[in-house]
Amino acid sequence: MFEKARKLRAPLSRKTIKSLRAGEWVLLSGVIYTARDQAHRRMFELIQSRKKLPIELKGAIIYYSGPSPKRPGRVIGSAGPTTSSRMDKYTPRLLQLGLAACIGKGERSPEVRDAVKRYSAVYLVTVGGAGAFLSERIKQAEVVAWPELGAEAIHRLVVEDFPCLVAYDSRGQDFFAEARKKFEEE
């Protein structure tokens, strides 16, 4: 499945984002950040207060994951995706501020789909239930904000060949809608 995947380097340029198409497999290498519900809430509070965020959003990728504690000999524990829709109320504003992509699992709200297109971003999904497999693709990990949140702290991850599927592209194409349509036609 990953033999034909495009290799990408994070952070992502707008040119790269605009070249991605829904349904395309990619292998990410470079820096991504984890952030779940509590981190998103805190980032949104900082934005509303016009304070500096703990990470640079321009070109960044946020992975909706709360990694488990690392085991001996590993840089991180299991790091699978969480349900993306829980971050939907925050995502349009983060995209507007320059976030290039988010990674999670499942479909998003119409507002997020519209924001992905409007701000020339991309929504990626990865394999749910495969946290141990995905953690093998993480080469470095460090908490960069709010360590008191435990697994929900913001982690800076260096990944290598991290597999993702383009679910929504910057042209407004929707992998989930296309898959449903093909299924219904068969």
N, C-alpha and C. Protein backbone atom coordinates (compact mmCIF):
# COMPACT_ATOMS: atom_id res chain seq x y z
N MET A 1 0.82 -1.19 0.00
CA MET A 1 0.00 0.00 0.00
C MET A 1 0.87 1.26 0.00
N PHE A 2 2.00 1.26 0.70
CA PHE A 2 2.82 2.47 0.81
C PHE A 2 3.89 2.56 -0.27
N GLU A 3 3.96 1.56 -1.16
CA GLU A 3 4.99 1.58 -2.21
C GLU A 3 4.86 2.81 -3.11
N LYS A 4 3.64 3.23 -3.37
CA LYS A 4 3.40 4.37 -4.26
C LYS A 4 3.15 5.67 -3.50
N ALA A 5 3.34 5.64 -2.21
CA ALA A 5 3.10 6.84 -1.40
C ALA A 5 4.12 7.92 -1.72
N ARG A 6 3.65 9.16 -1.70
CA ARG A 6 4.55 10.31 -1.88
C ARG A 6 5.27 10.59 -0.59
N LYS A 7 6.54 10.86 -0.68
CA LYS A 7 7.32 11.23 0.50
C LYS A 7 7.29 12.74 0.64
N LEU A 8 6.91 13.20 1.84
CA LEU A 8 6.81 14.63 2.13
C LEU A 8 7.68 14.99 3.32
N ARG A 9 8.11 16.24 3.34
CA ARG A 9 8.92 16.76 4.44
C ARG A 9 8.12 17.83 5.18
N ALA A 10 7.99 17.65 6.49
CA ALA A 10 7.30 18.63 7.33
C ALA A 10 8.34 19.56 7.95
N PRO A 11 8.00 20.85 8.09
CA PRO A 11 6.72 21.48 7.80
C PRO A 11 6.46 21.54 6.30
N LEU A 12 5.18 21.69 5.96
CA LEU A 12 4.74 21.65 4.56
C LEU A 12 4.67 23.04 3.96
N SER A 13 5.09 23.15 2.72
CA SER A 13 4.95 24.41 1.99
C SER A 13 3.55 24.46 1.37
N ARG A 14 3.09 25.66 1.05
CA ARG A 14 1.78 25.80 0.39
C ARG A 14 1.79 25.14 -0.98
N LYS A 15 2.93 25.18 -1.66
CA LYS A 15 3.04 24.53 -2.97
C LYS A 15 2.81 23.02 -2.84
N THR A 16 3.43 22.42 -1.84
CA THR A 16 3.24 20.98 -1.60
C THR A 16 1.79 20.68 -1.26
N ILE A 17 1.21 21.47 -0.38
CA ILE A 17 -0.19 21.26 0.03
C ILE A 17 -1.11 21.31 -1.17
N LYS A 18 -0.92 22.29 -2.03
CA LYS A 18 -1.79 22.44 -3.20
C LYS A 18 -1.63 21.31 -4.20
N SER A 19 -0.51 20.58 -4.13
CA SER A 19 -0.28 19.47 -5.06
C SER A 19 -0.90 18.16 -4.57
N LEU A 20 -1.31 18.10 -3.30
CA LEU A 20 -1.87 16.87 -2.74
C LEU A 20 -3.31 16.67 -3.18
N ARG A 21 -3.70 15.41 -3.36
CA ARG A 21 -5.05 15.07 -3.79
C ARG A 21 -5.69 14.08 -2.83
N ALA A 22 -6.96 14.27 -2.56
CA ALA A 22 -7.71 13.35 -1.70
C ALA A 22 -7.57 11.93 -2.23
N GLY A 23 -7.32 10.99 -1.32
CA GLY A 23 -7.15 9.59 -1.67
C GLY A 23 -5.71 9.19 -1.89
N GLU A 24 -4.81 10.15 -1.84
CA GLU A 24 -3.38 9.89 -2.05
C GLU A 24 -2.71 9.52 -0.73
N TRP A 25 -1.87 8.48 -0.76
CA TRP A 25 -1.07 8.10 0.41
C TRP A 25 0.20 8.92 0.44
N VAL A 26 0.59 9.36 1.64
CA VAL A 26 1.83 10.09 1.83
C VAL A 26 2.61 9.49 2.99
N LEU A 27 3.91 9.66 2.95
CA LEU A 27 4.79 9.28 4.06
C LEU A 27 5.48 10.55 4.52
N LEU A 28 5.14 10.98 5.73
CA LEU A 28 5.67 12.22 6.29
C LEU A 28 6.97 11.98 7.02
N SER A 29 7.91 12.87 6.81
CA SER A 29 9.14 12.90 7.60
C SER A 29 9.35 14.35 8.03
N GLY A 30 9.92 14.54 9.21
CA GLY A 30 10.15 15.88 9.72
C GLY A 30 9.45 16.09 11.05
N VAL A 31 9.14 17.35 11.35
CA VAL A 31 8.57 17.73 12.64
C VAL A 31 7.06 17.87 12.55
N ILE A 32 6.36 17.21 13.48
CA ILE A 32 4.92 17.40 13.67
C ILE A 32 4.68 17.58 15.18
N TYR A 33 3.51 18.05 15.53
CA TYR A 33 3.17 18.28 16.95
C TYR A 33 1.91 17.51 17.31
N THR A 34 1.87 16.99 18.53
CA THR A 34 0.63 16.40 19.02
C THR A 34 -0.16 17.47 19.76
N ALA A 35 -1.46 17.38 19.67
CA ALA A 35 -2.34 18.24 20.45
C ALA A 35 -3.72 17.61 20.44
N ARG A 36 -4.28 17.48 21.62
CA ARG A 36 -5.63 16.95 21.75
C ARG A 36 -6.54 18.02 22.34
N ASP A 37 -7.65 17.59 22.89
CA ASP A 37 -8.70 18.49 23.37
C ASP A 37 -8.20 19.61 24.29
N GLN A 38 -7.50 19.24 25.37
CA GLN A 38 -7.09 20.24 26.36
C GLN A 38 -6.06 21.22 25.79
N ALA A 39 -5.12 20.71 25.00
CA ALA A 39 -4.13 21.60 24.38
C ALA A 39 -4.81 22.56 23.41
N HIS A 40 -5.78 22.06 22.66
CA HIS A 40 -6.51 22.94 21.74
C HIS A 40 -7.27 24.02 22.52
N ARG A 41 -7.89 23.64 23.61
CA ARG A 41 -8.62 24.61 24.42
C ARG A 41 -7.66 25.70 24.91
N ARG A 42 -6.48 25.29 25.38
CA ARG A 42 -5.51 26.27 25.88
C ARG A 42 -4.97 27.15 24.76
N MET A 43 -4.71 26.57 23.60
CA MET A 43 -4.24 27.39 22.48
C MET A 43 -5.29 28.42 22.10
N PHE A 44 -6.54 27.99 22.08
CA PHE A 44 -7.63 28.90 21.71
C PHE A 44 -7.75 30.04 22.72
N GLU A 45 -7.56 29.74 24.00
CA GLU A 45 -7.58 30.79 25.02
C GLU A 45 -6.45 31.80 24.79
N LEU A 46 -5.27 31.30 24.43
CA LEU A 46 -4.15 32.20 24.13
C LEU A 46 -4.47 33.08 22.92
N ILE A 47 -5.05 32.48 21.90
CA ILE A 47 -5.41 33.24 20.69
C ILE A 47 -6.41 34.34 21.04
N GLN A 48 -7.42 33.99 21.83
CA GLN A 48 -8.42 34.98 22.21
C GLN A 48 -7.82 36.10 23.06
N SER A 49 -6.80 35.77 23.83
CA SER A 49 -6.12 36.77 24.67
C SER A 49 -5.00 37.48 23.93
N ARG A 50 -4.80 37.11 22.65
CA ARG A 50 -3.76 37.68 21.81
C ARG A 50 -2.37 37.47 22.40
N LYS A 51 -2.18 36.27 22.94
CA LYS A 51 -0.88 35.89 23.49
C LYS A 51 -0.20 34.91 22.54
N LYS A 52 1.09 34.77 22.71
CA LYS A 52 1.91 33.91 21.84
C LYS A 52 1.59 32.43 22.09
N LEU A 53 1.48 31.69 21.00
CA LEU A 53 1.27 30.24 21.09
C LEU A 53 2.59 29.53 21.38
N PRO A 54 2.55 28.35 21.99
CA PRO A 54 3.79 27.64 22.30
C PRO A 54 4.45 26.98 21.07
N ILE A 55 3.76 26.96 19.94
CA ILE A 55 4.33 26.42 18.70
C ILE A 55 4.04 27.39 17.57
N GLU A 56 4.88 27.38 16.56
CA GLU A 56 4.67 28.18 15.35
C GLU A 56 3.69 27.43 14.46
N LEU A 57 2.58 28.05 14.09
CA LEU A 57 1.56 27.37 13.29
C LEU A 57 1.87 27.37 11.79
N LYS A 58 2.57 28.36 11.31
CA LYS A 58 2.79 28.49 9.87
C LYS A 58 3.50 27.24 9.32
N GLY A 59 2.79 26.52 8.45
CA GLY A 59 3.34 25.32 7.83
C GLY A 59 3.32 24.08 8.71
N ALA A 60 2.86 24.24 9.95
CA ALA A 60 2.92 23.13 10.92
C ALA A 60 1.84 22.08 10.67
N ILE A 61 2.10 20.93 11.25
CA ILE A 61 1.15 19.80 11.22
C ILE A 61 0.85 19.43 12.66
N ILE A 62 -0.44 19.37 13.00
CA ILE A 62 -0.85 18.90 14.32
C ILE A 62 -1.44 17.51 14.19
N TYR A 63 -0.93 16.60 15.00
CA TYR A 63 -1.39 15.22 15.05
C TYR A 63 -2.26 15.05 16.28
N TYR A 64 -3.50 14.66 16.09
CA TYR A 64 -4.43 14.47 17.20
C TYR A 64 -4.11 13.15 17.88
N SER A 65 -3.20 13.21 18.82
CA SER A 65 -2.74 12.01 19.51
C SER A 65 -2.33 12.37 20.92
N GLY A 66 -2.54 11.44 21.83
CA GLY A 66 -2.09 11.57 23.21
C GLY A 66 -1.20 10.38 23.51
N PRO A 67 0.08 10.48 23.19
CA PRO A 67 0.96 9.32 23.34
C PRO A 67 1.01 8.78 24.76
N SER A 68 1.13 7.46 24.85
CA SER A 68 1.29 6.84 26.17
C SER A 68 2.75 6.98 26.60
N PRO A 69 3.04 6.78 27.89
CA PRO A 69 4.42 6.92 28.36
C PRO A 69 5.37 5.97 27.61
N LYS A 70 6.60 6.44 27.44
CA LYS A 70 7.56 5.63 26.70
C LYS A 70 7.99 4.42 27.52
N ARG A 71 8.30 3.37 26.80
CA ARG A 71 8.82 2.14 27.41
C ARG A 71 10.33 2.18 27.32
N PRO A 72 11.02 1.36 28.11
CA PRO A 72 12.48 1.33 28.03
C PRO A 72 12.96 1.06 26.59
N GLY A 73 13.93 1.84 26.16
CA GLY A 73 14.49 1.66 24.84
C GLY A 73 13.71 2.32 23.72
N ARG A 74 12.63 3.01 24.05
CA ARG A 74 11.79 3.67 23.04
C ARG A 74 11.77 5.17 23.30
N VAL A 75 11.46 5.95 22.26
CA VAL A 75 11.38 7.40 22.45
C VAL A 75 9.98 7.84 22.87
N ILE A 76 9.01 6.95 22.67
CA ILE A 76 7.62 7.28 22.97
C ILE A 76 6.84 5.97 23.11
N GLY A 77 5.70 6.05 23.78
CA GLY A 77 4.82 4.88 23.86
C GLY A 77 3.92 4.83 22.64
N SER A 78 2.83 4.13 22.76
CA SER A 78 1.87 4.03 21.67
C SER A 78 1.36 5.42 21.31
N ALA A 79 1.24 5.69 20.02
CA ALA A 79 0.86 7.04 19.58
C ALA A 79 -0.12 6.98 18.41
N GLY A 80 -1.29 6.45 18.69
CA GLY A 80 -2.31 6.37 17.66
C GLY A 80 -3.15 7.63 17.60
N PRO A 81 -3.92 7.79 16.52
CA PRO A 81 -4.76 8.98 16.37
C PRO A 81 -6.02 8.91 17.22
N THR A 82 -6.51 10.07 17.59
CA THR A 82 -7.79 10.16 18.27
C THR A 82 -8.82 10.75 17.30
N THR A 83 -10.07 10.69 17.69
CA THR A 83 -11.15 11.17 16.83
C THR A 83 -11.03 12.67 16.60
N SER A 84 -10.90 13.04 15.36
CA SER A 84 -10.63 14.43 14.98
C SER A 84 -11.78 15.38 15.25
N SER A 85 -12.99 14.91 15.15
CA SER A 85 -14.15 15.81 15.26
C SER A 85 -14.19 16.55 16.60
N ARG A 86 -13.51 16.01 17.62
CA ARG A 86 -13.50 16.69 18.91
C ARG A 86 -12.75 18.03 18.84
N MET A 87 -11.93 18.22 17.83
CA MET A 87 -11.18 19.46 17.67
C MET A 87 -11.82 20.40 16.64
N ASP A 88 -12.98 20.03 16.12
CA ASP A 88 -13.60 20.80 15.04
C ASP A 88 -13.87 22.26 15.40
N LYS A 89 -14.23 22.54 16.64
CA LYS A 89 -14.56 23.93 16.98
C LYS A 89 -13.32 24.83 16.99
N TYR A 90 -12.13 24.24 17.08
CA TYR A 90 -10.89 25.02 17.10
C TYR A 90 -10.19 25.07 15.73
N THR A 91 -10.41 24.08 14.91
CA THR A 91 -9.61 23.90 13.70
C THR A 91 -9.70 25.04 12.70
N PRO A 92 -10.89 25.57 12.36
CA PRO A 92 -10.91 26.66 11.37
C PRO A 92 -10.02 27.84 11.75
N ARG A 93 -10.03 28.23 13.00
CA ARG A 93 -9.20 29.37 13.43
C ARG A 93 -7.72 29.04 13.32
N LEU A 94 -7.32 27.82 13.69
CA LEU A 94 -5.92 27.42 13.59
C LEU A 94 -5.46 27.39 12.13
N LEU A 95 -6.34 26.92 11.25
CA LEU A 95 -6.02 26.93 9.82
C LEU A 95 -5.86 28.36 9.32
N GLN A 96 -6.73 29.24 9.76
CA GLN A 96 -6.66 30.64 9.37
C GLN A 96 -5.33 31.26 9.81
N LEU A 97 -4.79 30.82 10.92
CA LEU A 97 -3.53 31.35 11.44
C LEU A 97 -2.30 30.68 10.83
N GLY A 98 -2.51 29.75 9.87
CA GLY A 98 -1.37 29.19 9.15
C GLY A 98 -1.12 27.72 9.31
N LEU A 99 -1.89 27.03 10.16
CA LEU A 99 -1.72 25.59 10.29
C LEU A 99 -1.88 24.96 8.90
N ALA A 100 -0.93 24.13 8.51
CA ALA A 100 -0.94 23.55 7.17
C ALA A 100 -1.75 22.28 7.09
N ALA A 101 -1.71 21.49 8.17
CA ALA A 101 -2.37 20.18 8.12
C ALA A 101 -2.65 19.69 9.52
N CYS A 102 -3.64 18.81 9.61
CA CYS A 102 -3.89 18.08 10.84
C CYS A 102 -4.05 16.62 10.47
N ILE A 103 -3.69 15.77 11.42
CA ILE A 103 -3.76 14.32 11.23
C ILE A 103 -4.63 13.75 12.33
N GLY A 104 -5.55 12.88 11.97
CA GLY A 104 -6.39 12.23 12.96
C GLY A 104 -7.08 11.03 12.36
N LYS A 105 -8.30 10.82 12.81
CA LYS A 105 -9.12 9.76 12.22
C LYS A 105 -10.56 10.24 12.17
N GLY A 106 -11.26 9.79 11.15
CA GLY A 106 -12.66 10.11 11.00
C GLY A 106 -12.94 11.38 10.23
N GLU A 107 -14.22 11.55 9.92
CA GLU A 107 -14.66 12.70 9.13
C GLU A 107 -14.74 13.96 10.00
N ARG A 108 -14.81 15.10 9.33
CA ARG A 108 -14.85 16.39 10.00
C ARG A 108 -16.15 17.10 9.66
N SER A 109 -16.42 18.17 10.38
CA SER A 109 -17.63 18.96 10.16
C SER A 109 -17.54 19.72 8.84
N PRO A 110 -18.71 20.15 8.31
CA PRO A 110 -18.69 20.99 7.10
C PRO A 110 -17.83 22.25 7.28
N GLU A 111 -17.82 22.82 8.49
CA GLU A 111 -17.01 24.02 8.75
C GLU A 111 -15.53 23.74 8.58
N VAL A 112 -15.08 22.58 9.06
CA VAL A 112 -13.66 22.23 8.91
C VAL A 112 -13.34 21.94 7.45
N ARG A 113 -14.21 21.20 6.78
CA ARG A 113 -13.98 20.92 5.35
C ARG A 113 -13.86 22.22 4.56
N ASP A 114 -14.76 23.17 4.84
CA ASP A 114 -14.71 24.47 4.16
C ASP A 114 -13.42 25.22 4.49
N ALA A 115 -13.01 25.18 5.76
CA ALA A 115 -11.80 25.89 6.18
C ALA A 115 -10.55 25.28 5.54
N VAL A 116 -10.51 23.97 5.39
CA VAL A 116 -9.37 23.32 4.74
C VAL A 116 -9.21 23.88 3.33
N LYS A 117 -10.31 24.00 2.63
CA LYS A 117 -10.26 24.55 1.27
C LYS A 117 -9.94 26.05 1.29
N ARG A 118 -10.65 26.80 2.11
CA ARG A 118 -10.50 28.26 2.16
C ARG A 118 -9.06 28.68 2.48
N TYR A 119 -8.40 27.95 3.40
CA TYR A 119 -7.06 28.34 3.83
C TYR A 119 -5.96 27.48 3.19
N SER A 120 -6.30 26.77 2.12
CA SER A 120 -5.33 25.94 1.38
C SER A 120 -4.53 25.05 2.31
N ALA A 121 -5.26 24.24 3.05
CA ALA A 121 -4.65 23.29 3.98
C ALA A 121 -4.97 21.87 3.52
N VAL A 122 -4.73 20.91 4.38
CA VAL A 122 -5.03 19.53 4.07
C VAL A 122 -5.35 18.80 5.38
N TYR A 123 -6.29 17.87 5.30
CA TYR A 123 -6.61 17.01 6.44
C TYR A 123 -6.16 15.60 6.08
N LEU A 124 -5.34 15.04 6.94
CA LEU A 124 -4.81 13.70 6.75
C LEU A 124 -5.38 12.77 7.79
N VAL A 125 -5.54 11.51 7.42
CA VAL A 125 -5.95 10.50 8.39
C VAL A 125 -4.87 9.42 8.42
N THR A 126 -4.78 8.77 9.56
CA THR A 126 -3.88 7.64 9.67
C THR A 126 -4.61 6.50 10.35
N VAL A 127 -3.96 5.38 10.47
CA VAL A 127 -4.61 4.14 10.86
C VAL A 127 -4.93 4.12 12.35
N GLY A 128 -6.23 4.12 12.67
CA GLY A 128 -6.66 3.99 14.05
C GLY A 128 -6.39 2.58 14.55
N GLY A 129 -6.06 2.44 15.83
CA GLY A 129 -5.80 1.12 16.40
C GLY A 129 -4.40 0.60 16.10
N ALA A 130 -3.57 1.46 15.50
CA ALA A 130 -2.21 1.04 15.13
C ALA A 130 -1.16 1.90 15.83
N GLY A 131 -1.44 2.30 17.06
CA GLY A 131 -0.55 3.19 17.79
C GLY A 131 0.86 2.66 17.96
N ALA A 132 0.99 1.36 18.20
CA ALA A 132 2.33 0.78 18.37
C ALA A 132 3.11 0.85 17.05
N PHE A 133 2.43 0.52 15.94
CA PHE A 133 3.06 0.60 14.62
C PHE A 133 3.48 2.03 14.32
N LEU A 134 2.59 2.98 14.56
CA LEU A 134 2.88 4.38 14.26
C LEU A 134 4.02 4.91 15.13
N SER A 135 4.09 4.46 16.38
CA SER A 135 5.15 4.96 17.28
C SER A 135 6.54 4.54 16.78
N GLU A 136 6.61 3.47 16.01
CA GLU A 136 7.90 3.06 15.44
C GLU A 136 8.40 4.06 14.42
N ARG A 137 7.52 4.89 13.90
CA ARG A 137 7.88 5.91 12.91
C ARG A 137 8.32 7.21 13.58
N ILE A 138 8.23 7.26 14.89
CA ILE A 138 8.60 8.45 15.65
C ILE A 138 10.03 8.26 16.16
N LYS A 139 10.91 9.15 15.72
CA LYS A 139 12.34 9.01 16.03
C LYS A 139 12.79 9.86 17.20
N GLN A 140 12.07 10.95 17.47
CA GLN A 140 12.35 11.81 18.63
C GLN A 140 11.03 12.34 19.15
N ALA A 141 10.97 12.56 20.46
CA ALA A 141 9.76 13.11 21.07
C ALA A 141 10.14 13.90 22.30
N GLU A 142 9.53 15.09 22.43
CA GLU A 142 9.73 15.89 23.63
C GLU A 142 8.48 16.72 23.88
N VAL A 143 8.17 16.93 25.13
CA VAL A 143 7.05 17.79 25.50
C VAL A 143 7.51 19.23 25.36
N VAL A 144 6.73 20.05 24.64
CA VAL A 144 7.10 21.45 24.44
C VAL A 144 6.12 22.43 25.08
N ALA A 145 4.98 21.93 25.56
CA ALA A 145 4.03 22.82 26.23
C ALA A 145 3.10 22.01 27.13
N TRP A 146 2.82 22.58 28.27
CA TRP A 146 1.84 22.09 29.23
C TRP A 146 2.07 20.63 29.67
N PRO A 147 3.24 20.35 30.25
CA PRO A 147 3.53 18.98 30.71
C PRO A 147 2.53 18.47 31.74
N GLU A 148 1.90 19.39 32.47
CA GLU A 148 0.91 18.97 33.47
C GLU A 148 -0.31 18.29 32.85
N LEU A 149 -0.47 18.40 31.53
CA LEU A 149 -1.58 17.73 30.85
C LEU A 149 -1.29 16.25 30.55
N GLY A 150 -0.09 15.80 30.89
CA GLY A 150 0.25 14.39 30.65
C GLY A 150 0.21 14.06 29.17
N ALA A 151 -0.54 13.04 28.81
CA ALA A 151 -0.63 12.61 27.41
C ALA A 151 -1.20 13.70 26.51
N GLU A 152 -1.95 14.65 27.08
CA GLU A 152 -2.54 15.72 26.27
C GLU A 152 -1.64 16.95 26.15
N ALA A 153 -0.43 16.88 26.68
CA ALA A 153 0.53 17.97 26.48
C ALA A 153 0.87 18.05 24.99
N ILE A 154 1.44 19.17 24.59
CA ILE A 154 1.91 19.28 23.21
C ILE A 154 3.31 18.67 23.14
N HIS A 155 3.43 17.70 22.27
CA HIS A 155 4.71 17.04 22.03
C HIS A 155 5.25 17.47 20.66
N ARG A 156 6.54 17.65 20.58
CA ARG A 156 7.22 17.86 19.29
C ARG A 156 7.78 16.50 18.90
N LEU A 157 7.33 16.01 17.76
CA LEU A 157 7.77 14.71 17.27
C LEU A 157 8.58 14.87 16.00
N VAL A 158 9.64 14.10 15.90
CA VAL A 158 10.36 13.97 14.64
C VAL A 158 9.97 12.60 14.10
N VAL A 159 9.33 12.61 12.94
CA VAL A 159 8.83 11.36 12.35
C VAL A 159 9.58 11.03 11.07
N GLU A 160 9.55 9.75 10.75
CA GLU A 160 10.17 9.28 9.51
C GLU A 160 9.21 8.30 8.84
N ASP A 161 8.81 8.63 7.61
CA ASP A 161 7.89 7.80 6.83
C ASP A 161 6.62 7.47 7.61
N PHE A 162 6.02 8.50 8.19
CA PHE A 162 4.78 8.37 8.94
C PHE A 162 3.63 8.30 7.94
N PRO A 163 2.89 7.17 7.89
CA PRO A 163 1.88 6.98 6.83
C PRO A 163 0.57 7.71 7.10
N CYS A 164 0.10 8.41 6.07
CA CYS A 164 -1.17 9.13 6.14
C CYS A 164 -1.87 9.07 4.78
N LEU A 165 -3.17 9.20 4.83
CA LEU A 165 -3.99 9.30 3.64
C LEU A 165 -4.56 10.71 3.58
N VAL A 166 -4.52 11.33 2.42
CA VAL A 166 -5.12 12.66 2.26
C VAL A 166 -6.63 12.47 2.24
N ALA A 167 -7.31 12.98 3.26
CA ALA A 167 -8.76 12.84 3.35
C ALA A 167 -9.48 14.03 2.71
N TYR A 168 -9.01 15.25 3.00
CA TYR A 168 -9.56 16.46 2.38
C TYR A 168 -8.38 17.23 1.80
N ASP A 169 -8.50 17.61 0.54
CA ASP A 169 -7.41 18.37 -0.06
C ASP A 169 -7.78 19.85 -0.17
N SER A 170 -6.83 20.65 -0.59
CA SER A 170 -7.02 22.11 -0.64
C SER A 170 -7.98 22.55 -1.74
N ARG A 171 -8.34 21.65 -2.64
CA ARG A 171 -9.32 21.98 -3.70
C ARG A 171 -10.74 21.66 -3.26
N GLY A 172 -10.91 21.09 -2.08
CA GLY A 172 -12.23 20.76 -1.58
C GLY A 172 -12.66 19.33 -1.84
N GLN A 173 -11.75 18.51 -2.36
CA GLN A 173 -12.08 17.11 -2.59
C GLN A 173 -12.12 16.36 -1.26
N ASP A 174 -13.05 15.41 -1.14
CA ASP A 174 -13.33 14.70 0.10
C ASP A 174 -13.21 13.20 -0.16
N PHE A 175 -12.18 12.57 0.39
CA PHE A 175 -11.97 11.14 0.20
C PHE A 175 -13.16 10.32 0.71
N PHE A 176 -13.69 10.69 1.86
CA PHE A 176 -14.80 9.94 2.44
C PHE A 176 -16.02 9.96 1.53
N ALA A 177 -16.35 11.13 0.99
CA ALA A 177 -17.50 11.25 0.08
C ALA A 177 -17.28 10.44 -1.18
N GLU A 178 -16.07 10.50 -1.72
CA GLU A 178 -15.76 9.72 -2.93
C GLU A 178 -15.84 8.23 -2.66
N ALA A 179 -15.35 7.78 -1.52
CA ALA A 179 -15.40 6.35 -1.17
C ALA A 179 -16.85 5.88 -1.02
N ARG A 180 -17.68 6.72 -0.37
CA ARG A 180 -19.10 6.38 -0.22
C ARG A 180 -19.77 6.26 -1.58
N LYS A 181 -19.46 7.20 -2.46
CA LYS A 181 -20.05 7.22 -3.79
C LYS A 181 -19.67 5.95 -4.56
N LYS A 182 -18.41 5.56 -4.52
CA LYS A 182 -17.96 4.34 -5.20
C LYS A 182 -18.63 3.10 -4.61
N PHE A 183 -18.76 3.08 -3.29
CA PHE A 183 -19.39 1.95 -2.63
C PHE A 183 -20.85 1.82 -3.05
N GLU A 184 -21.55 2.96 -3.10
CA GLU A 184 -22.96 2.94 -3.48
C GLU A 184 -23.17 2.55 -4.93
N GLU A 185 -22.19 2.86 -5.79
CA GLU A 185 -22.28 2.51 -7.20
C GLU A 185 -22.08 1.01 -7.45
N GLU A 186 -21.37 0.36 -6.55
CA GLU A 186 -21.07 -1.08 -6.75
C GLU A 186 -22.17 -1.97 -6.31
